[in-house]
PDB file of all heavy atoms in Angstrom:
ATOM      1  N   ALA A   1      45.433 -38.091 -66.502  1.00  0.00           N
ATOM      2  CA  ALA A   1      44.017 -38.474 -66.547  1.00  0.00           C
ATOM      3  C   ALA A   1      43.349 -38.165 -65.216  1.00  0.00           C
ATOM      4  O   ALA A   1      43.903 -38.450 -64.169  1.00  0.00           O
ATOM      5  CB  ALA A   1      43.893 -39.965 -66.854  1.00  0.00           C
ATOM      6  N   PRO A   2      42.131 -37.578 -65.269  1.00  0.00           N
ATOM      7  CA  PRO A   2      41.414 -37.318 -64.015  1.00  0.00           C
ATOM      8  C   PRO A   2      41.035 -38.620 -63.320  1.00  0.00           C
ATOM      9  O   PRO A   2      40.733 -39.621 -63.970  1.00  0.00           O
ATOM     10  CB  PRO A   2      40.161 -36.568 -64.452  1.00  0.00           C
ATOM     11  CG  PRO A   2      40.344 -36.199 -65.867  1.00  0.00           C
ATOM     12  CD  PRO A   2      41.413 -37.090 -66.431  1.00  0.00           C
ATOM     13  N   ARG A   3      41.074 -38.605 -62.038  1.00  0.00           N
ATOM     14  CA  ARG A   3      40.619 -39.753 -61.246  1.00  0.00           C
ATOM     15  C   ARG A   3      39.197 -39.477 -60.785  1.00  0.00           C
ATOM     16  O   ARG A   3      38.657 -38.414 -61.022  1.00  0.00           O
ATOM     17  CB  ARG A   3      41.541 -39.964 -60.055  1.00  0.00           C
ATOM     18  CG  ARG A   3      42.948 -40.289 -60.488  1.00  0.00           C
ATOM     19  CD  ARG A   3      43.796 -40.664 -59.314  1.00  0.00           C
ATOM     20  NE  ARG A   3      45.150 -40.907 -59.799  1.00  0.00           N
ATOM     21  CZ  ARG A   3      46.216 -40.791 -59.068  1.00  0.00           C
ATOM     22  NH1 ARG A   3      46.109 -40.470 -57.799  1.00  0.00           N
ATOM     23  NH2 ARG A   3      47.397 -41.021 -59.580  1.00  0.00           N
ATOM     24  N   HIS A   4      38.608 -40.422 -60.100  1.00  0.00           N
ATOM     25  CA  HIS A   4      37.222 -40.250 -59.660  1.00  0.00           C
ATOM     26  C   HIS A   4      37.121 -39.154 -58.594  1.00  0.00           C
ATOM     27  O   HIS A   4      38.095 -38.846 -57.916  1.00  0.00           O
ATOM     28  CB  HIS A   4      36.664 -41.575 -59.135  1.00  0.00           C
ATOM     29  CG  HIS A   4      37.306 -42.038 -57.865  1.00  0.00           C
ATOM     30  ND1 HIS A   4      38.556 -42.604 -57.822  1.00  0.00           N
ATOM     31  CD2 HIS A   4      36.864 -41.996 -56.586  1.00  0.00           C
ATOM     32  CE1 HIS A   4      38.871 -42.893 -56.570  1.00  0.00           C
ATOM     33  NE2 HIS A   4      37.863 -42.533 -55.799  1.00  0.00           N
ATOM     34  N   ALA A   5      35.924 -38.595 -58.483  1.00  0.00           N
ATOM     35  CA  ALA A   5      35.672 -37.525 -57.516  1.00  0.00           C
ATOM     36  C   ALA A   5      35.636 -38.107 -56.108  1.00  0.00           C
ATOM     37  O   ALA A   5      35.109 -39.194 -55.886  1.00  0.00           O
ATOM     38  CB  ALA A   5      34.366 -36.821 -57.832  1.00  0.00           C
ATOM     39  N   LEU A   6      36.196 -37.375 -55.200  1.00  0.00           N
ATOM     40  CA  LEU A   6      36.175 -37.746 -53.793  1.00  0.00           C
ATOM     41  C   LEU A   6      35.355 -36.713 -53.034  1.00  0.00           C
ATOM     42  O   LEU A   6      35.331 -35.543 -53.390  1.00  0.00           O
ATOM     43  CB  LEU A   6      37.600 -37.776 -53.233  1.00  0.00           C
ATOM     44  CG  LEU A   6      38.608 -38.649 -53.959  1.00  0.00           C
ATOM     45  CD1 LEU A   6      40.008 -38.386 -53.410  1.00  0.00           C
ATOM     46  CD2 LEU A   6      38.238 -40.108 -53.801  1.00  0.00           C
ATOM     47  N   SER A   7      34.698 -37.136 -51.983  1.00  0.00           N
ATOM     48  CA  SER A   7      33.944 -36.221 -51.136  1.00  0.00           C
ATOM     49  C   SER A   7      34.702 -36.055 -49.825  1.00  0.00           C
ATOM     50  O   SER A   7      35.261 -37.015 -49.302  1.00  0.00           O
ATOM     51  CB  SER A   7      32.553 -36.791 -50.860  1.00  0.00           C
ATOM     52  OG  SER A   7      31.814 -35.890 -50.061  1.00  0.00           O
ATOM     53  N   ASP A   8      34.721 -34.826 -49.305  1.00  0.00           N
ATOM     54  CA  ASP A   8      35.401 -34.573 -48.038  1.00  0.00           C
ATOM     55  C   ASP A   8      34.586 -33.575 -47.224  1.00  0.00           C
ATOM     56  O   ASP A   8      33.785 -32.820 -47.771  1.00  0.00           O
ATOM     57  CB  ASP A   8      36.805 -34.028 -48.291  1.00  0.00           C
ATOM     58  CG  ASP A   8      37.733 -34.176 -47.093  1.00  0.00           C
ATOM     59  OD1 ASP A   8      37.310 -34.729 -46.051  1.00  0.00           O
ATOM     60  OD2 ASP A   8      38.882 -33.724 -47.190  1.00  0.00           O
ATOM     61  N   VAL A   9      34.797 -33.581 -45.941  1.00  0.00           N
ATOM     62  CA  VAL A   9      34.142 -32.653 -45.029  1.00  0.00           C
ATOM     63  C   VAL A   9      35.221 -31.717 -44.493  1.00  0.00           C
ATOM     64  O   VAL A   9      36.278 -32.163 -44.048  1.00  0.00           O
ATOM     65  CB  VAL A   9      33.466 -33.407 -43.860  1.00  0.00           C
ATOM     66  CG1 VAL A   9      32.804 -32.431 -42.897  1.00  0.00           C
ATOM     67  CG2 VAL A   9      32.449 -34.405 -44.398  1.00  0.00           C
ATOM     68  N   VAL A  10      34.954 -30.420 -44.556  1.00  0.00           N
ATOM     69  CA  VAL A  10      35.907 -29.424 -44.080  1.00  0.00           C
ATOM     70  C   VAL A  10      35.208 -28.477 -43.107  1.00  0.00           C
ATOM     71  O   VAL A  10      33.992 -28.314 -43.145  1.00  0.00           O
ATOM     72  CB  VAL A  10      36.526 -28.609 -45.238  1.00  0.00           C
ATOM     73  CG1 VAL A  10      37.361 -29.500 -46.143  1.00  0.00           C
ATOM     74  CG2 VAL A  10      35.455 -27.896 -46.038  1.00  0.00           C
ATOM     75  N   ILE A  11      35.998 -27.867 -42.238  1.00  0.00           N
ATOM     76  CA  ILE A  11      35.445 -26.904 -41.289  1.00  0.00           C
ATOM     77  C   ILE A  11      35.052 -25.628 -42.035  1.00  0.00           C
ATOM     78  O   ILE A  11      35.715 -25.239 -42.987  1.00  0.00           O
ATOM     79  CB  ILE A  11      36.461 -26.612 -40.152  1.00  0.00           C
ATOM     80  CG1 ILE A  11      35.813 -25.874 -39.002  1.00  0.00           C
ATOM     81  CG2 ILE A  11      37.652 -25.841 -40.661  1.00  0.00           C
ATOM     82  CD1 ILE A  11      34.866 -26.703 -38.200  1.00  0.00           C
ATOM     83  N   ASP A  12      33.971 -25.011 -41.616  1.00  0.00           N
ATOM     84  CA  ASP A  12      33.518 -23.760 -42.200  1.00  0.00           C
ATOM     85  C   ASP A  12      33.936 -22.624 -41.283  1.00  0.00           C
ATOM     86  O   ASP A  12      33.637 -22.641 -40.089  1.00  0.00           O
ATOM     87  CB  ASP A  12      31.997 -23.772 -42.343  1.00  0.00           C
ATOM     88  CG  ASP A  12      31.448 -22.448 -42.840  1.00  0.00           C
ATOM     89  OD1 ASP A  12      32.154 -21.741 -43.575  1.00  0.00           O
ATOM     90  OD2 ASP A  12      30.308 -22.116 -42.479  1.00  0.00           O
ATOM     91  N   GLU A  13      34.642 -21.654 -41.815  1.00  0.00           N
ATOM     92  CA  GLU A  13      34.959 -20.440 -41.080  1.00  0.00           C
ATOM     93  C   GLU A  13      34.541 -19.258 -41.930  1.00  0.00           C
ATOM     94  O   GLU A  13      34.711 -19.271 -43.146  1.00  0.00           O
ATOM     95  CB  GLU A  13      36.440 -20.371 -40.722  1.00  0.00           C
ATOM     96  CG  GLU A  13      36.816 -21.393 -39.675  1.00  0.00           C
ATOM     97  CD  GLU A  13      38.107 -21.075 -38.951  1.00  0.00           C
ATOM     98  OE1 GLU A  13      38.874 -20.214 -39.428  1.00  0.00           O
ATOM     99  OE2 GLU A  13      38.345 -21.687 -37.904  1.00  0.00           O
ATOM    100  N   GLN A  14      33.972 -18.275 -41.275  1.00  0.00           N
ATOM    101  CA  GLN A  14      33.488 -17.083 -41.945  1.00  0.00           C
ATOM    102  C   GLN A  14      33.962 -15.853 -41.178  1.00  0.00           C
ATOM    103  O   GLN A  14      34.244 -15.943 -39.982  1.00  0.00           O
ATOM    104  CB  GLN A  14      31.956 -17.089 -41.979  1.00  0.00           C
ATOM    105  CG  GLN A  14      31.362 -18.250 -42.722  1.00  0.00           C
ATOM    106  CD  GLN A  14      29.844 -18.245 -42.663  1.00  0.00           C
ATOM    107  OE1 GLN A  14      29.222 -17.261 -42.293  1.00  0.00           O
ATOM    108  NE2 GLN A  14      29.243 -19.364 -43.037  1.00  0.00           N
ATOM    109  N   PRO A  15      34.029 -14.707 -41.842  1.00  0.00           N
ATOM    110  CA  PRO A  15      34.352 -13.489 -41.100  1.00  0.00           C
ATOM    111  C   PRO A  15      33.222 -13.151 -40.129  1.00  0.00           C
ATOM    112  O   PRO A  15      32.051 -13.154 -40.506  1.00  0.00           O
ATOM    113  CB  PRO A  15      34.499 -12.422 -42.170  1.00  0.00           C
ATOM    114  CG  PRO A  15      34.007 -13.018 -43.432  1.00  0.00           C
ATOM    115  CD  PRO A  15      33.860 -14.483 -43.257  1.00  0.00           C
ATOM    116  N   VAL A  16      33.598 -12.912 -38.891  1.00  0.00           N
ATOM    117  CA  VAL A  16      32.638 -12.575 -37.838  1.00  0.00           C
ATOM    118  C   VAL A  16      33.078 -11.252 -37.215  1.00  0.00           C
ATOM    119  O   VAL A  16      34.205 -11.133 -36.735  1.00  0.00           O
ATOM    120  CB  VAL A  16      32.570 -13.683 -36.764  1.00  0.00           C
ATOM    121  CG1 VAL A  16      31.650 -13.274 -35.618  1.00  0.00           C
ATOM    122  CG2 VAL A  16      32.103 -15.004 -37.373  1.00  0.00           C
ATOM    123  N   ALA A  17      32.183 -10.273 -37.244  1.00  0.00           N
ATOM    124  CA  ALA A  17      32.464  -8.967 -36.646  1.00  0.00           C
ATOM    125  C   ALA A  17      31.767  -8.883 -35.296  1.00  0.00           C
ATOM    126  O   ALA A  17      30.600  -9.259 -35.173  1.00  0.00           O
ATOM    127  CB  ALA A  17      31.966  -7.853 -37.552  1.00  0.00           C
ATOM    128  N   LEU A  18      32.489  -8.391 -34.295  1.00  0.00           N
ATOM    129  CA  LEU A  18      31.887  -8.091 -32.997  1.00  0.00           C
ATOM    130  C   LEU A  18      31.661  -6.582 -32.952  1.00  0.00           C
ATOM    131  O   LEU A  18      32.602  -5.801 -33.118  1.00  0.00           O
ATOM    132  CB  LEU A  18      32.784  -8.541 -31.854  1.00  0.00           C
ATOM    133  CG  LEU A  18      33.067 -10.040 -31.789  1.00  0.00           C
ATOM    134  CD1 LEU A  18      33.929 -10.361 -30.578  1.00  0.00           C
ATOM    135  CD2 LEU A  18      31.787 -10.851 -31.771  1.00  0.00           C
ATOM    136  N   VAL A  19      30.400  -6.207 -32.751  1.00  0.00           N
ATOM    137  CA  VAL A  19      29.991  -4.806 -32.811  1.00  0.00           C
ATOM    138  C   VAL A  19      29.346  -4.441 -31.473  1.00  0.00           C
ATOM    139  O   VAL A  19      28.401  -5.097 -31.039  1.00  0.00           O
ATOM    140  CB  VAL A  19      28.995  -4.576 -33.965  1.00  0.00           C
ATOM    141  CG1 VAL A  19      28.577  -3.121 -34.042  1.00  0.00           C
ATOM    142  CG2 VAL A  19      29.596  -5.056 -35.288  1.00  0.00           C
ATOM    143  N   TYR A  20      29.891  -3.410 -30.817  1.00  0.00           N
ATOM    144  CA  TYR A  20      29.411  -2.986 -29.498  1.00  0.00           C
ATOM    145  C   TYR A  20      28.648  -1.675 -29.631  1.00  0.00           C
ATOM    146  O   TYR A  20      29.209  -0.669 -30.054  1.00  0.00           O
ATOM    147  CB  TYR A  20      30.599  -2.804 -28.541  1.00  0.00           C
ATOM    148  CG  TYR A  20      31.294  -4.103 -28.258  1.00  0.00           C
ATOM    149  CD1 TYR A  20      32.260  -4.597 -29.129  1.00  0.00           C
ATOM    150  CD2 TYR A  20      30.959  -4.860 -27.141  1.00  0.00           C
ATOM    151  CE1 TYR A  20      32.890  -5.804 -28.886  1.00  0.00           C
ATOM    152  CE2 TYR A  20      31.585  -6.071 -26.894  1.00  0.00           C
ATOM    153  CZ  TYR A  20      32.547  -6.531 -27.773  1.00  0.00           C
ATOM    154  OH  TYR A  20      33.161  -7.742 -27.532  1.00  0.00           O
ATOM    155  N   ASN A  21      27.369  -1.724 -29.294  1.00  0.00           N
ATOM    156  CA  ASN A  21      26.498  -0.545 -29.373  1.00  0.00           C
ATOM    157  C   ASN A  21      26.667   0.172 -30.712  1.00  0.00           C
ATOM    158  O   ASN A  21      26.758   1.393 -30.783  1.00  0.00           O
ATOM    159  CB  ASN A  21      26.766   0.409 -28.214  1.00  0.00           C
ATOM    160  CG  ASN A  21      26.364  -0.172 -26.877  1.00  0.00           C
ATOM    161  OD1 ASN A  21      25.958  -1.322 -26.777  1.00  0.00           O
ATOM    162  ND2 ASN A  21      26.493   0.612 -25.828  1.00  0.00           N
ATOM    163  N   GLY A  22      26.757  -0.615 -31.784  1.00  0.00           N
ATOM    164  CA  GLY A  22      26.849  -0.077 -33.135  1.00  0.00           C
ATOM    165  C   GLY A  22      28.256   0.269 -33.596  1.00  0.00           C
ATOM    166  O   GLY A  22      28.436   0.678 -34.734  1.00  0.00           O
ATOM    167  N   LEU A  23      29.260   0.088 -32.743  1.00  0.00           N
ATOM    168  CA  LEU A  23      30.638   0.434 -33.085  1.00  0.00           C
ATOM    169  C   LEU A  23      31.450  -0.848 -33.266  1.00  0.00           C
ATOM    170  O   LEU A  23      31.622  -1.620 -32.322  1.00  0.00           O
ATOM    171  CB  LEU A  23      31.245   1.298 -31.980  1.00  0.00           C
ATOM    172  CG  LEU A  23      32.609   1.906 -32.231  1.00  0.00           C
ATOM    173  CD1 LEU A  23      32.598   2.809 -33.464  1.00  0.00           C
ATOM    174  CD2 LEU A  23      33.047   2.697 -31.009  1.00  0.00           C
ATOM    175  N   SER A  24      31.938  -1.074 -34.488  1.00  0.00           N
ATOM    176  CA  SER A  24      32.680  -2.293 -34.789  1.00  0.00           C
ATOM    177  C   SER A  24      34.004  -2.305 -34.039  1.00  0.00           C
ATOM    178  O   SER A  24      34.699  -1.296 -33.942  1.00  0.00           O
ATOM    179  CB  SER A  24      32.939  -2.400 -36.296  1.00  0.00           C
ATOM    180  OG  SER A  24      33.584  -3.615 -36.578  1.00  0.00           O
ATOM    181  N   HIS A  25      34.343  -3.468 -33.500  1.00  0.00           N
ATOM    182  CA  HIS A  25      35.571  -3.601 -32.719  1.00  0.00           C
ATOM    183  C   HIS A  25      36.573  -4.549 -33.357  1.00  0.00           C
ATOM    184  O   HIS A  25      37.748  -4.245 -33.415  1.00  0.00           O
ATOM    185  CB  HIS A  25      35.240  -4.082 -31.310  1.00  0.00           C
ATOM    186  CG  HIS A  25      36.438  -4.281 -30.436  1.00  0.00           C
ATOM    187  ND1 HIS A  25      37.297  -3.254 -30.126  1.00  0.00           N
ATOM    188  CD2 HIS A  25      36.931  -5.378 -29.827  1.00  0.00           C
ATOM    189  CE1 HIS A  25      38.263  -3.710 -29.345  1.00  0.00           C
ATOM    190  NE2 HIS A  25      38.074  -4.987 -29.159  1.00  0.00           N
ATOM    191  N   VAL A  26      36.103  -5.693 -33.821  1.00  0.00           N
ATOM    192  CA  VAL A  26      37.040  -6.693 -34.324  1.00  0.00           C
ATOM    193  C   VAL A  26      36.337  -7.564 -35.358  1.00  0.00           C
ATOM    194  O   VAL A  26      35.142  -7.811 -35.263  1.00  0.00           O
ATOM    195  CB  VAL A  26      37.605  -7.559 -33.171  1.00  0.00           C
ATOM    196  CG1 VAL A  26      36.521  -8.346 -32.468  1.00  0.00           C
ATOM    197  CG2 VAL A  26      38.682  -8.520 -33.661  1.00  0.00           C
ATOM    198  N   VAL A  27      37.108  -7.996 -36.333  1.00  0.00           N
ATOM    199  CA  VAL A  27      36.644  -8.990 -37.287  1.00  0.00           C
ATOM    200  C   VAL A  27      37.632 -10.141 -37.223  1.00  0.00           C
ATOM    201  O   VAL A  27      38.844  -9.923 -37.286  1.00  0.00           O
ATOM    202  CB  VAL A  27      36.571  -8.443 -38.723  1.00  0.00           C
ATOM    203  CG1 VAL A  27      36.172  -9.540 -39.699  1.00  0.00           C
ATOM    204  CG2 VAL A  27      35.608  -7.272 -38.798  1.00  0.00           C
ATOM    205  N   MET A  28      37.111 -11.336 -37.060  1.00  0.00           N
ATOM    206  CA  MET A  28      37.971 -12.514 -37.007  1.00  0.00           C
ATOM    207  C   MET A  28      37.304 -13.653 -37.764  1.00  0.00           C
ATOM    208  O   MET A  28      36.105 -13.626 -38.007  1.00  0.00           O
ATOM    209  CB  MET A  28      38.247 -12.909 -35.558  1.00  0.00           C
ATOM    210  CG  MET A  28      37.016 -13.330 -34.773  1.00  0.00           C
ATOM    211  SD  MET A  28      37.355 -13.629 -33.049  1.00  0.00           S
ATOM    212  CE  MET A  28      37.015 -12.017 -32.382  1.00  0.00           C
ATOM    213  N   MET A  29      38.093 -14.617 -38.139  1.00  0.00           N
ATOM    214  CA  MET A  29      37.552 -15.807 -38.771  1.00  0.00           C
ATOM    215  C   MET A  29      37.101 -16.765 -37.673  1.00  0.00           C
ATOM    216  O   MET A  29      37.843 -17.005 -36.715  1.00  0.00           O
ATOM    217  CB  MET A  29      38.602 -16.469 -39.654  1.00  0.00           C
ATOM    218  CG  MET A  29      39.018 -15.626 -40.845  1.00  0.00           C
ATOM    219  SD  MET A  29      37.648 -15.209 -41.951  1.00  0.00           S
ATOM    220  CE  MET A  29      37.288 -16.807 -42.663  1.00  0.00           C
ATOM    221  N   ALA A  30      35.884 -17.292 -37.824  1.00  0.00           N
ATOM    222  CA  ALA A  30      35.340 -18.190 -36.809  1.00  0.00           C
ATOM    223  C   ALA A  30      34.331 -19.118 -37.446  1.00  0.00           C
ATOM    224  O   ALA A  30      33.703 -18.789 -38.455  1.00  0.00           O
ATOM    225  CB  ALA A  30      34.679 -17.395 -35.684  1.00  0.00           C
ATOM    226  N   THR A  31      34.168 -20.276 -36.843  1.00  0.00           N
ATOM    227  CA  THR A  31      33.104 -21.185 -37.242  1.00  0.00           C
ATOM    228  C   THR A  31      31.791 -20.555 -36.797  1.00  0.00           C
ATOM    229  O   THR A  31      31.663 -20.169 -35.637  1.00  0.00           O
ATOM    230  CB  THR A  31      33.309 -22.556 -36.577  1.00  0.00           C
ATOM    231  OG1 THR A  31      34.589 -23.046 -36.963  1.00  0.00           O
ATOM    232  CG2 THR A  31      32.235 -23.542 -37.004  1.00  0.00           C
ATOM    233  N   PRO A  32      30.813 -20.433 -37.681  1.00  0.00           N
ATOM    234  CA  PRO A  32      29.592 -19.690 -37.346  1.00  0.00           C
ATOM    235  C   PRO A  32      28.615 -20.495 -36.481  1.00  0.00           C
ATOM    236  O   PRO A  32      27.453 -20.650 -36.815  1.00  0.00           O
ATOM    237  CB  PRO A  32      29.005 -19.358 -38.721  1.00  0.00           C
ATOM    238  CG  PRO A  32      29.462 -20.472 -39.591  1.00  0.00           C
ATOM    239  CD  PRO A  32      30.835 -20.842 -39.082  1.00  0.00           C
ATOM    240  N   LEU A  33      29.107 -20.991 -35.370  1.00  0.00           N
ATOM    241  CA  LEU A  33      28.287 -21.700 -34.387  1.00  0.00           C
ATOM    242  C   LEU A  33      28.518 -21.056 -33.025  1.00  0.00           C
ATOM    243  O   LEU A  33      29.615 -20.572 -32.738  1.00  0.00           O
ATOM    244  CB  LEU A  33      28.693 -23.174 -34.303  1.00  0.00           C
ATOM    245  CG  LEU A  33      28.512 -24.013 -35.560  1.00  0.00           C
ATOM    246  CD1 LEU A  33      29.108 -25.403 -35.362  1.00  0.00           C
ATOM    247  CD2 LEU A  33      27.037 -24.115 -35.915  1.00  0.00           C
ATOM    248  N   ASP A  34      27.510 -21.046 -32.192  1.00  0.00           N
ATOM    249  CA  ASP A  34      27.639 -20.545 -30.818  1.00  0.00           C
ATOM    250  C   ASP A  34      28.228 -19.140 -30.782  1.00  0.00           C
ATOM    251  O   ASP A  34      29.044 -18.806 -29.923  1.00  0.00           O
ATOM    252  CB  ASP A  34      28.492 -21.503 -29.970  1.00  0.00           C
ATOM    253  CG  ASP A  34      27.949 -22.926 -29.982  1.00  0.00           C
ATOM    254  OD1 ASP A  34      26.721 -23.085 -29.842  1.00  0.00           O
ATOM    255  OD2 ASP A  34      28.742 -23.855 -30.149  1.00  0.00           O
ATOM    256  N   LEU A  35      27.801 -18.299 -31.709  1.00  0.00           N
ATOM    257  CA  LEU A  35      28.394 -16.963 -31.817  1.00  0.00           C
ATOM    258  C   LEU A  35      28.018 -16.052 -30.650  1.00  0.00           C
ATOM    259  O   LEU A  35      28.785 -15.143 -30.310  1.00  0.00           O
ATOM    260  CB  LEU A  35      28.032 -16.328 -33.147  1.00  0.00           C
ATOM    261  CG  LEU A  35      28.667 -17.024 -34.362  1.00  0.00           C
ATOM    262  CD1 LEU A  35      28.195 -16.386 -35.655  1.00  0.00           C
ATOM    263  CD2 LEU A  35      30.182 -17.006 -34.265  1.00  0.00           C
ATOM    264  N   GLU A  36      26.878 -16.293 -30.023  1.00  0.00           N
ATOM    265  CA  GLU A  36      26.547 -15.528 -28.821  1.00  0.00           C
ATOM    266  C   GLU A  36      27.580 -15.814 -27.730  1.00  0.00           C
ATOM    267  O   GLU A  36      28.051 -14.904 -27.047  1.00  0.00           O
ATOM    268  CB  GLU A  36      25.140 -15.875 -28.316  1.00  0.00           C
ATOM    269  CG  GLU A  36      24.029 -15.460 -29.254  1.00  0.00           C
ATOM    270  CD  GLU A  36      23.659 -16.545 -30.279  1.00  0.00           C
ATOM    271  OE1 GLU A  36      24.401 -17.542 -30.413  1.00  0.00           O
ATOM    272  OE2 GLU A  36      22.636 -16.368 -30.951  1.00  0.00           O
ATOM    273  N   ASP A  37      27.940 -17.096 -27.592  1.00  0.00           N
ATOM    274  CA  ASP A  37      28.957 -17.468 -26.607  1.00  0.00           C
ATOM    275  C   ASP A  37      30.308 -16.879 -26.963  1.00  0.00           C
ATOM    276  O   ASP A  37      31.055 -16.433 -26.086  1.00  0.00           O
ATOM    277  CB  ASP A  37      29.077 -18.995 -26.506  1.00  0.00           C
ATOM    278  CG  ASP A  37      27.828 -19.646 -25.934  1.00  0.00           C
ATOM    279  OD1 ASP A  37      27.082 -18.963 -25.205  1.00  0.00           O
ATOM    280  OD2 ASP A  37      27.603 -20.835 -26.211  1.00  0.00           O
ATOM    281  N   LEU A  38      30.651 -16.873 -28.261  1.00  0.00           N
ATOM    282  CA  LEU A  38      31.905 -16.270 -28.699  1.00  0.00           C
ATOM    283  C   LEU A  38      31.933 -14.787 -28.326  1.00  0.00           C
ATOM    284  O   LEU A  38      32.923 -14.286 -27.777  1.00  0.00           O
ATOM    285  CB  LEU A  38      32.094 -16.426 -30.211  1.00  0.00           C
ATOM    286  CG  LEU A  38      33.282 -15.658 -30.800  1.00  0.00           C
ATOM    287  CD1 LEU A  38      34.596 -16.270 -30.358  1.00  0.00           C
ATOM    288  CD2 LEU A  38      33.202 -15.620 -32.308  1.00  0.00           C
ATOM    289  N   GLY A  39      30.856 -14.074 -28.622  1.00  0.00           N
ATOM    290  CA  GLY A  39      30.804 -12.647 -28.320  1.00  0.00           C
ATOM    291  C   GLY A  39      30.936 -12.369 -26.832  1.00  0.00           C
ATOM    292  O   GLY A  39      31.705 -11.494 -26.415  1.00  0.00           O
ATOM    293  N   LEU A  40      30.217 -13.112 -26.021  1.00  0.00           N
ATOM    294  CA  LEU A  40      30.280 -12.905 -24.578  1.00  0.00           C
ATOM    295  C   LEU A  40      31.648 -13.307 -24.033  1.00  0.00           C
ATOM    296  O   LEU A  40      32.263 -12.557 -23.269  1.00  0.00           O
ATOM    297  CB  LEU A  40      29.178 -13.700 -23.867  1.00  0.00           C
ATOM    298  CG  LEU A  40      29.191 -13.614 -22.346  1.00  0.00           C
ATOM    299  CD1 LEU A  40      29.067 -12.170 -21.872  1.00  0.00           C
ATOM    300  CD2 LEU A  40      28.086 -14.480 -21.768  1.00  0.00           C
ATOM    301  N   GLY A  41      32.148 -14.464 -24.446  1.00  0.00           N
ATOM    302  CA  GLY A  41      33.450 -14.922 -23.959  1.00  0.00           C
ATOM    303  C   GLY A  41      34.574 -13.982 -24.348  1.00  0.00           C
ATOM    304  O   GLY A  41      35.448 -13.663 -23.535  1.00  0.00           O
ATOM    305  N   PHE A  42      34.575 -13.515 -25.591  1.00  0.00           N
ATOM    306  CA  PHE A  42      35.582 -12.558 -26.047  1.00  0.00           C
ATOM    307  C   PHE A  42      35.498 -11.276 -25.221  1.00  0.00           C
ATOM    308  O   PHE A  42      36.508 -10.742 -24.768  1.00  0.00           O
ATOM    309  CB  PHE A  42      35.379 -12.257 -27.532  1.00  0.00           C
ATOM    310  CG  PHE A  42      36.369 -11.278 -28.098  1.00  0.00           C
ATOM    311  CD1 PHE A  42      37.559 -11.736 -28.646  1.00  0.00           C
ATOM    312  CD2 PHE A  42      36.121  -9.917 -28.083  1.00  0.00           C
ATOM    313  CE1 PHE A  42      38.489 -10.833 -29.170  1.00  0.00           C
ATOM    314  CE2 PHE A  42      37.040  -9.013 -28.593  1.00  0.00           C
ATOM    315  CZ  PHE A  42      38.234  -9.476 -29.147  1.00  0.00           C
TER     316      PHE A  42
END
């Protein structure tokens, strides 16, 4: 028998590509926040 529905919060990760002067370099899974900082830090 099904039980009641539960709600949960999960982290969101999406494919993020870093592209330099139009040339793709890397695709990684990342939380889509502070992506400018991710690009510069990487």
